[in-house]
Amino acid sequence: MQIGVPKETKDQEFRVGLTPASVRVITENNHSVFVETMAGYGAGFTDEDYLAAGAQIVGSAESAWHQDLVVKVKEPLKSEYQFLRKDLLLFTYLHLAADRELTEHLIDSGTCAIAYETVEQVGANRLPLLTPMSIIAGRLAVQFGARFLESQQGGRGVLLGGVPGVKFGKVVILGGGVVGTEAAKIAVGMGAGVQILDVNVERLSYLETLFGSRVELLYSNSAQIEAVVREADLLIGAVLIPGKKAPILVPRKLVKQMRPGSVIVDVAVDQGGCVETLYPTSHSTPVYVDEGVIHYGVPNMPGAVPWTSTQALNNSTLPYVLQLANLGLEALEVNSALAKGLNIKNHHLLHPAVQEVFPDL
């Protein structure tokens, strides 16, 4: 099979769909890989690295897209809609529930689109291709939050860990999944006071085995959210309902009650976000102020650490890419996890969760 790896076009998105190491494995299995020139440069991979791994370097995005299978990191942007076509198999993050326009273009084009974030290991309730980026995003959420709490960034001037004689900062995390757990690890390591809210009591029990008394674990409901959010120095949205749009847990009226200069980082923004006042931003302009609170809504947070995140992603995606290359769409019949990732095929929207968001498509 011929596989294309275009350069990412999202603002300051320096990750790349395949590393040279992955390309080597794929070419050793008698497939051809066409990498757009400079596609891996931001992640630390040169064209020479790809050539040495057996890839062919192409000079345009069009050439990279004009292959049987295109492997990317982020969803196609408007400038890439022209490359969508009926005989294309696309494998990337899509997050369609938050993007009706892209969903409509994929349906109209006839492209067969498989989304990393909905590949699910049946029975295990694991999202193997979302997990590595969720780990990174969770850790970055606290790192970025701590930065924007600094006065020079417009924040309250709070040091999350405090110092002897001065109270530590308070971090509230909505959601105790992978993102929330990783965020808590970093926040606890910084010495912050941490609260995690979740609706899954079993998950809260598991988190107690990880954190003990270092983290306050609370059942999530509207009353509890109101009680803790207004006191937060850093609020992290870590809500995930696979394939669906994130529910709004923090309305504007509650954001208005937060202290001026507090920070909100919503990792759920690529699925619509769980904070009413938060909308997607970019690495170039990551924050804005609304109701006196700093909002951080970058939907591709792991793109800030592309050397780490590209390799972490490839460690998980490579087996699936290789199976698609070897079997084509038959891979969906033999791999139930990969079949769960199928969002669009033959002009039809197929993923049940996305169908619930767009019942008219």
Protein backbone atom coordinates (compact mmCIF):
# COMPACT_ATOMS: atom_id res chain seq x y z
CA MET A 1 0.00 0.00 0.00
CA GLN A 2 1.06 3.59 -0.59
CA ILE A 3 0.98 5.70 2.57
CA GLY A 4 1.13 9.50 2.72
CA VAL A 5 2.37 11.62 5.61
CA PRO A 6 1.55 15.31 5.06
CA LYS A 7 2.93 18.13 7.16
CA GLU A 8 0.47 19.27 9.82
CA THR A 9 -1.18 22.63 9.13
CA LYS A 10 -2.77 23.46 12.49
CA ASP A 11 -1.20 26.44 14.27
CA GLN A 12 2.17 25.43 15.76
CA GLU A 13 1.35 21.74 15.38
CA PHE A 14 4.81 20.21 15.11
CA ARG A 15 3.87 16.56 15.58
CA VAL A 16 3.99 14.25 12.58
CA GLY A 17 1.96 11.17 11.69
CA LEU A 18 4.87 8.74 11.38
CA THR A 19 8.37 8.79 12.83
CA PRO A 20 11.35 7.52 10.81
CA ALA A 21 11.39 4.44 13.04
CA SER A 22 7.76 3.70 12.14
CA VAL A 23 8.49 4.31 8.46
CA ARG A 24 11.28 1.76 8.61
CA VAL A 25 8.95 -0.90 10.00
CA ILE A 26 6.33 -0.13 7.35
CA THR A 27 8.78 -0.17 4.42
CA GLU A 28 10.30 -3.42 5.71
CA ASN A 29 6.78 -4.83 5.26
CA ASN A 30 6.94 -3.88 1.56
CA HIS A 31 4.79 -0.74 1.68
CA SER A 32 5.72 2.66 0.25
CA VAL A 33 5.71 5.81 2.38
CA PHE A 34 5.59 9.33 0.94
CA VAL A 35 6.50 12.05 3.42
CA GLU A 36 5.97 15.74 2.67
CA THR A 37 9.25 17.61 2.92
CA MET A 38 9.91 19.09 6.39
CA ALA A 39 6.90 17.24 7.83
CA GLY A 40 8.91 15.94 10.76
CA TYR A 41 11.27 18.86 11.25
CA GLY A 42 9.41 20.37 14.19
CA ALA A 43 9.55 17.04 16.04
CA GLY A 44 13.27 16.65 15.42
CA PHE A 45 13.17 14.42 12.32
CA THR A 46 14.85 15.52 9.10
CA ASP A 47 14.07 14.55 5.51
CA GLU A 48 17.36 12.64 5.56
CA ASP A 49 16.12 10.60 8.52
CA TYR A 50 13.05 9.58 6.54
CA LEU A 51 15.06 8.79 3.42
CA ALA A 52 17.35 6.56 5.48
CA ALA A 53 14.27 4.77 6.82
CA GLY A 54 13.08 4.01 3.29
CA ALA A 55 10.56 6.80 2.71
CA GLN A 56 10.25 8.96 -0.37
CA ILE A 57 10.20 12.73 0.17
CA VAL A 58 7.59 14.67 -1.79
CA GLY A 59 7.55 18.42 -2.29
CA SER A 60 3.88 19.21 -1.73
CA ALA A 61 0.95 18.41 0.51
CA GLU A 62 -1.01 17.30 -2.55
CA SER A 63 1.53 14.58 -3.30
CA ALA A 64 1.45 13.32 0.27
CA TRP A 65 -2.36 13.26 0.28
CA HIS A 66 -2.53 11.51 -3.10
CA GLN A 67 -1.93 8.06 -1.60
CA ASP A 68 -4.09 5.11 -0.56
CA LEU A 69 -3.76 5.73 3.17
CA VAL A 70 -2.98 9.09 4.81
CA VAL A 71 -1.67 9.05 8.37
CA LYS A 72 -1.87 12.36 10.23
CA VAL A 73 -2.05 13.70 13.76
CA LYS A 74 -4.79 16.34 13.62
CA GLU A 75 -8.03 16.67 11.68
CA PRO A 76 -8.00 18.15 8.16
CA LEU A 77 -8.36 21.92 8.12
CA LYS A 78 -10.26 23.89 5.48
CA SER A 79 -7.15 24.21 3.31
CA GLU A 80 -7.00 20.40 3.20
CA TYR A 81 -10.64 19.72 2.32
CA GLN A 82 -9.63 19.77 -1.35
CA PHE A 83 -7.61 16.58 -0.79
CA LEU A 84 -10.52 14.54 0.56
CA ARG A 85 -11.77 12.01 -1.98
CA LYS A 86 -13.71 8.77 -2.34
CA ASP A 87 -10.76 6.36 -2.60
CA LEU A 88 -8.92 7.78 0.42
CA LEU A 89 -8.44 6.04 3.76
CA LEU A 90 -7.72 8.63 6.46
CA PHE A 91 -6.33 7.73 9.89
CA THR A 92 -5.97 10.60 12.36
CA TYR A 93 -7.59 12.41 15.29
CA LEU A 94 -10.93 13.82 14.12
CA HIS A 95 -13.08 14.86 17.13
CA LEU A 96 -16.09 15.21 14.84
CA ALA A 97 -18.63 15.87 17.58
CA ALA A 98 -17.22 19.37 17.92
CA ASP A 99 -16.89 20.05 14.17
CA ARG A 100 -20.00 19.80 12.03
CA GLU A 101 -18.34 21.43 9.00
CA LEU A 102 -15.57 18.84 8.83
CA THR A 103 -18.09 16.04 9.37
CA GLU A 104 -20.15 17.27 6.41
CA HIS A 105 -17.08 17.55 4.15
CA LEU A 106 -15.91 14.05 5.02
CA ILE A 107 -19.38 12.64 4.31
CA ASP A 108 -19.66 14.51 0.99
CA SER A 109 -16.18 13.45 -0.13
CA GLY A 110 -16.73 9.73 0.42
CA THR A 111 -13.47 9.47 2.36
CA CYS A 112 -13.23 6.51 4.72
CA ALA A 113 -12.26 8.19 8.01
CA ILE A 114 -10.97 6.33 11.06
CA ALA A 115 -10.48 8.42 14.20
CA TYR A 116 -7.73 7.68 16.68
CA GLU A 117 -9.86 8.89 19.59
CA THR A 118 -12.67 6.37 19.03
CA VAL A 119 -10.49 3.28 18.53
CA GLU A 120 -11.60 1.29 21.55
CA GLN A 121 -10.57 -2.05 22.98
CA VAL A 122 -13.94 -3.70 23.46
CA GLY A 123 -14.54 -5.01 26.98
CA ALA A 124 -11.53 -3.21 28.41
CA ASN A 125 -13.06 0.25 27.92
CA ARG A 126 -9.65 1.48 26.82
CA LEU A 127 -8.93 4.10 24.16
CA PRO A 128 -5.38 3.05 23.24
CA LEU A 129 -4.71 5.81 20.72
CA LEU A 130 -6.14 8.60 22.86
CA THR A 131 -4.39 7.54 26.06
CA PRO A 132 -0.80 8.62 25.24
CA MET A 133 -1.89 12.13 24.27
CA SER A 134 -4.23 12.31 27.27
CA ILE A 135 -1.28 11.53 29.54
CA ILE A 136 0.73 14.35 27.99
CA ALA A 137 -2.18 16.81 27.93
CA GLY A 138 -2.95 16.12 31.58
CA ARG A 139 0.60 16.82 32.61
CA LEU A 140 0.83 19.92 30.44
CA ALA A 141 -2.45 21.28 31.81
CA VAL A 142 -0.87 21.90 35.20
CA GLN A 143 2.37 23.12 33.66
CA PHE A 144 0.54 25.69 31.53
CA GLY A 145 -1.86 26.55 34.34
CA ALA A 146 1.01 27.30 36.69
CA ARG A 147 2.58 29.57 34.08
CA PHE A 148 -0.55 31.63 33.50
CA LEU A 149 -1.10 32.04 37.22
CA GLU A 150 2.06 34.18 37.20
CA SER A 151 1.43 37.92 37.42
CA GLN A 152 3.49 38.60 34.29
CA GLN A 153 1.01 36.40 32.39
CA GLY A 154 -2.00 38.18 33.88
CA GLY A 155 -2.64 35.66 36.64
CA ARG A 156 -3.26 35.97 40.37
CA GLY A 157 0.42 35.60 41.19
CA VAL A 158 -0.08 32.29 42.97
CA LEU A 159 2.68 29.70 43.36
CA LEU A 160 0.85 26.37 43.32
CA GLY A 161 3.17 24.77 45.85
CA GLY A 162 3.14 27.73 48.23
CA VAL A 163 6.03 28.19 50.66
CA PRO A 164 6.37 27.70 54.42
CA GLY A 165 4.06 30.21 56.02
CA VAL A 166 2.01 30.83 52.87
CA LYS A 167 -0.90 28.64 51.74
CA PHE A 168 -0.47 26.53 48.61
CA GLY A 169 -2.59 27.04 45.51
CA LYS A 170 -5.76 25.04 44.89
CA VAL A 171 -6.21 22.88 41.80
CA VAL A 172 -9.69 21.53 40.96
CA ILE A 173 -9.90 18.78 38.33
CA LEU A 174 -13.22 17.86 36.73
CA GLY A 175 -12.90 14.23 35.66
CA GLY A 176 -10.81 11.43 37.10
CA GLY A 177 -9.84 9.64 33.90
CA VAL A 178 -6.41 9.56 32.31
CA VAL A 179 -6.16 13.36 31.87
CA GLY A 180 -7.37 14.08 35.39
CA THR A 181 -5.10 11.47 36.95
CA GLU A 182 -2.00 12.75 35.17
CA ALA A 183 -2.87 16.35 36.02
CA ALA A 184 -3.21 15.38 39.66
CA LYS A 185 0.19 13.68 39.66
CA ILE A 186 1.89 16.87 38.50
CA ALA A 187 -0.15 19.15 40.78
CA VAL A 188 0.59 16.96 43.81
CA GLY A 189 4.26 16.92 42.84
CA MET A 190 4.24 20.71 42.82
CA GLY A 191 2.77 20.74 46.31
CA ALA A 192 -0.65 22.12 45.38
CA GLY A 193 -3.89 21.28 47.12
CA VAL A 194 -5.79 19.03 44.69
CA GLN A 195 -9.44 18.03 44.37
CA ILE A 196 -10.74 15.57 41.75
CA LEU A 197 -14.44 15.30 40.95
CA ASP A 198 -15.92 12.33 39.10
CA VAL A 199 -19.29 10.59 38.77
CA ASN A 200 -17.74 7.11 38.84
CA VAL A 201 -17.40 5.97 42.46
CA GLU A 202 -15.29 2.98 41.46
CA ARG A 203 -12.84 5.32 39.71
CA LEU A 204 -12.68 7.50 42.82
CA SER A 205 -11.89 4.39 44.88
CA TYR A 206 -9.10 3.50 42.48
CA LEU A 207 -7.70 7.03 42.68
CA GLU A 208 -7.60 6.69 46.46
CA THR A 209 -5.19 3.78 46.04
CA LEU A 210 -2.95 6.06 43.95
CA PHE A 211 -3.06 9.26 45.98
CA GLY A 212 -4.29 8.34 49.44
CA SER A 213 -5.00 11.48 51.45
CA ARG A 214 -2.88 13.71 49.19
CA VAL A 215 -5.88 14.33 46.91
CA GLU A 216 -9.46 15.09 47.96
CA LEU A 217 -11.77 12.85 45.95
CA LEU A 218 -15.33 14.10 45.53
CA TYR A 219 -18.45 12.82 43.82
CA SER A 220 -19.35 15.16 40.99
CA ASN A 221 -22.70 16.91 40.94
CA SER A 222 -23.75 20.50 40.31
CA ALA A 223 -23.75 21.46 43.99
CA GLN A 224 -20.30 20.02 44.59
CA ILE A 225 -18.92 21.65 41.45
CA GLU A 226 -20.26 25.04 42.56
CA ALA A 227 -18.72 24.63 46.00
CA VAL A 228 -15.18 23.89 44.80
CA VAL A 229 -14.84 25.78 41.52
CA ARG A 230 -15.35 29.24 42.98
CA GLU A 231 -12.36 28.63 45.28
CA ALA A 232 -10.03 27.23 42.62
CA ASP A 233 -6.83 28.96 41.57
CA LEU A 234 -6.54 26.52 38.66
CA LEU A 235 -9.52 24.68 37.20
CA ILE A 236 -8.80 21.81 34.81
CA GLY A 237 -11.52 20.35 32.59
CA ALA A 238 -10.78 16.66 32.03
CA VAL A 239 -14.17 15.33 30.99
CA LEU A 240 -14.43 12.67 28.28
CA ILE A 241 -17.43 10.87 26.84
CA PRO A 242 -15.94 8.90 23.90
CA GLY A 243 -17.06 10.34 20.58
CA LYS A 244 -19.59 12.70 22.15
CA LYS A 245 -19.55 16.40 22.87
CA ALA A 246 -18.44 17.20 26.41
CA PRO A 247 -21.25 18.33 28.75
CA ILE A 248 -21.17 21.87 30.13
CA LEU A 249 -20.37 21.46 33.83
CA VAL A 250 -19.25 25.01 34.59
CA PRO A 251 -21.74 27.68 33.48
CA ARG A 252 -20.84 31.34 33.01
CA LYS A 253 -22.46 32.33 36.29
CA LEU A 254 -20.03 30.06 38.14
CA VAL A 255 -16.98 31.31 36.23
CA LYS A 256 -18.05 34.82 37.29
CA GLN A 257 -17.72 33.75 40.93
CA MET A 258 -14.09 32.66 40.54
CA ARG A 259 -11.37 35.00 41.79
CA PRO A 260 -9.95 37.44 39.22
CA GLY A 261 -6.75 36.10 37.71
CA SER A 262 -7.65 32.46 38.29
CA VAL A 263 -6.96 30.10 35.39
CA ILE A 264 -9.09 27.58 33.51
CA VAL A 265 -7.43 24.94 31.31
CA ASP A 266 -10.01 22.81 29.50
CA VAL A 267 -8.45 19.71 27.96
CA ALA A 268 -11.93 18.73 26.75
CA VAL A 269 -12.01 21.69 24.36
CA ASP A 270 -11.46 19.46 21.30
CA GLN A 271 -14.76 17.77 22.18
CA GLY A 272 -16.55 21.07 22.74
CA GLY A 273 -15.29 21.81 26.25
CA CYS A 274 -16.98 21.51 29.66
CA VAL A 275 -16.80 25.22 30.56
CA GLU A 276 -19.42 27.51 29.03
CA THR A 277 -17.08 30.50 28.64
CA LEU A 278 -14.25 28.57 27.02
CA TYR A 279 -13.65 28.35 23.27
CA PRO A 280 -10.74 26.93 21.24
CA THR A 281 -7.55 28.99 21.11
CA SER A 282 -4.14 28.29 19.58
CA HIS A 283 -0.51 27.95 20.61
CA SER A 284 0.12 31.39 19.08
CA THR A 285 -2.65 33.00 21.16
CA PRO A 286 -3.34 30.47 23.90
CA VAL A 287 -5.35 32.51 26.39
CA TYR A 288 -8.02 35.18 26.75
CA VAL A 289 -9.81 36.73 29.71
CA ASP A 290 -13.53 36.38 30.30
CA GLU A 291 -15.32 37.30 33.55
CA GLY A 292 -11.88 38.21 34.93
CA VAL A 293 -10.63 34.62 34.55
CA ILE A 294 -7.83 33.48 32.23
CA HIS A 295 -9.04 30.81 29.79
CA TYR A 296 -6.64 28.39 28.07
CA GLY A 297 -8.30 26.42 25.25
CA VAL A 298 -5.59 25.03 22.98
CA PRO A 299 -7.07 21.84 21.45
CA ASN A 300 -3.71 20.36 20.44
CA MET A 301 -1.79 20.79 23.67
CA PRO A 302 0.63 17.88 23.08
CA GLY A 303 1.85 19.75 19.99
CA ALA A 304 3.85 21.88 22.43
CA VAL A 305 6.17 18.92 23.09
CA PRO A 306 6.32 17.29 19.64
CA TRP A 307 9.49 15.26 20.14
CA THR A 308 7.92 13.43 23.07
CA SER A 309 4.34 13.28 21.86
CA THR A 310 5.06 12.12 18.29
CA GLN A 311 6.99 9.13 19.56
CA ALA A 312 4.42 8.35 22.25
CA LEU A 313 1.64 8.46 19.66
CA ASN A 314 3.53 6.28 17.19
CA ASN A 315 4.19 3.66 19.86
CA SER A 316 0.43 3.14 19.94
CA THR A 317 -0.66 3.83 16.35
CA LEU A 318 1.99 1.82 14.47
CA PRO A 319 0.40 -1.64 14.93
CA TYR A 320 -2.91 -0.29 13.59
CA VAL A 321 -1.26 1.53 10.68
CA LEU A 322 0.58 -1.64 9.75
CA GLN A 323 -2.63 -3.68 9.89
CA LEU A 324 -4.42 -1.17 7.65
CA ALA A 325 -1.50 -1.23 5.23
CA ASN A 326 -1.45 -5.03 5.13
CA LEU A 327 -5.20 -5.67 4.96
CA GLY A 328 -6.84 -2.43 3.88
CA LEU A 329 -10.44 -2.15 5.07
CA GLU A 330 -10.43 -5.88 5.89
CA ALA A 331 -8.50 -4.84 8.99
CA LEU A 332 -11.78 -3.50 10.38
CA GLU A 333 -13.25 -7.00 10.18
CA VAL A 334 -10.43 -8.70 12.07
CA ASN A 335 -9.71 -5.96 14.61
CA SER A 336 -12.73 -4.95 16.67
CA ALA A 337 -10.89 -2.06 18.31
CA LEU A 338 -10.03 -0.56 14.93
CA ALA A 339 -13.62 -1.08 13.77
CA LYS A 340 -14.77 1.11 16.66
CA GLY A 341 -12.62 3.88 15.20
CA LEU A 342 -14.57 3.99 11.92
CA ASN A 343 -16.49 7.28 11.83
CA ILE A 344 -17.37 7.76 8.15
CA LYS A 345 -17.51 5.42 5.14
CA ASN A 346 -19.19 5.58 1.73
CA HIS A 347 -20.81 8.98 2.40
CA HIS A 348 -22.36 7.78 5.68
CA LEU A 349 -21.74 8.83 9.27
CA LEU A 350 -21.39 5.55 11.17
CA HIS A 351 -20.13 6.19 14.68
CA PRO A 352 -23.11 6.02 17.09
CA ALA A 353 -21.85 8.73 19.45
CA VAL A 354 -21.28 11.20 16.62
CA GLN A 355 -24.65 10.27 15.12
CA GLU A 356 -26.28 11.37 18.37
CA VAL A 357 -24.68 14.80 17.99
CA PHE A 358 -25.65 15.14 14.30
CA PRO A 359 -28.85 13.09 13.89
CA ASP A 360 -29.68 14.89 10.63
CA LEU A 361 -26.49 13.82 8.83
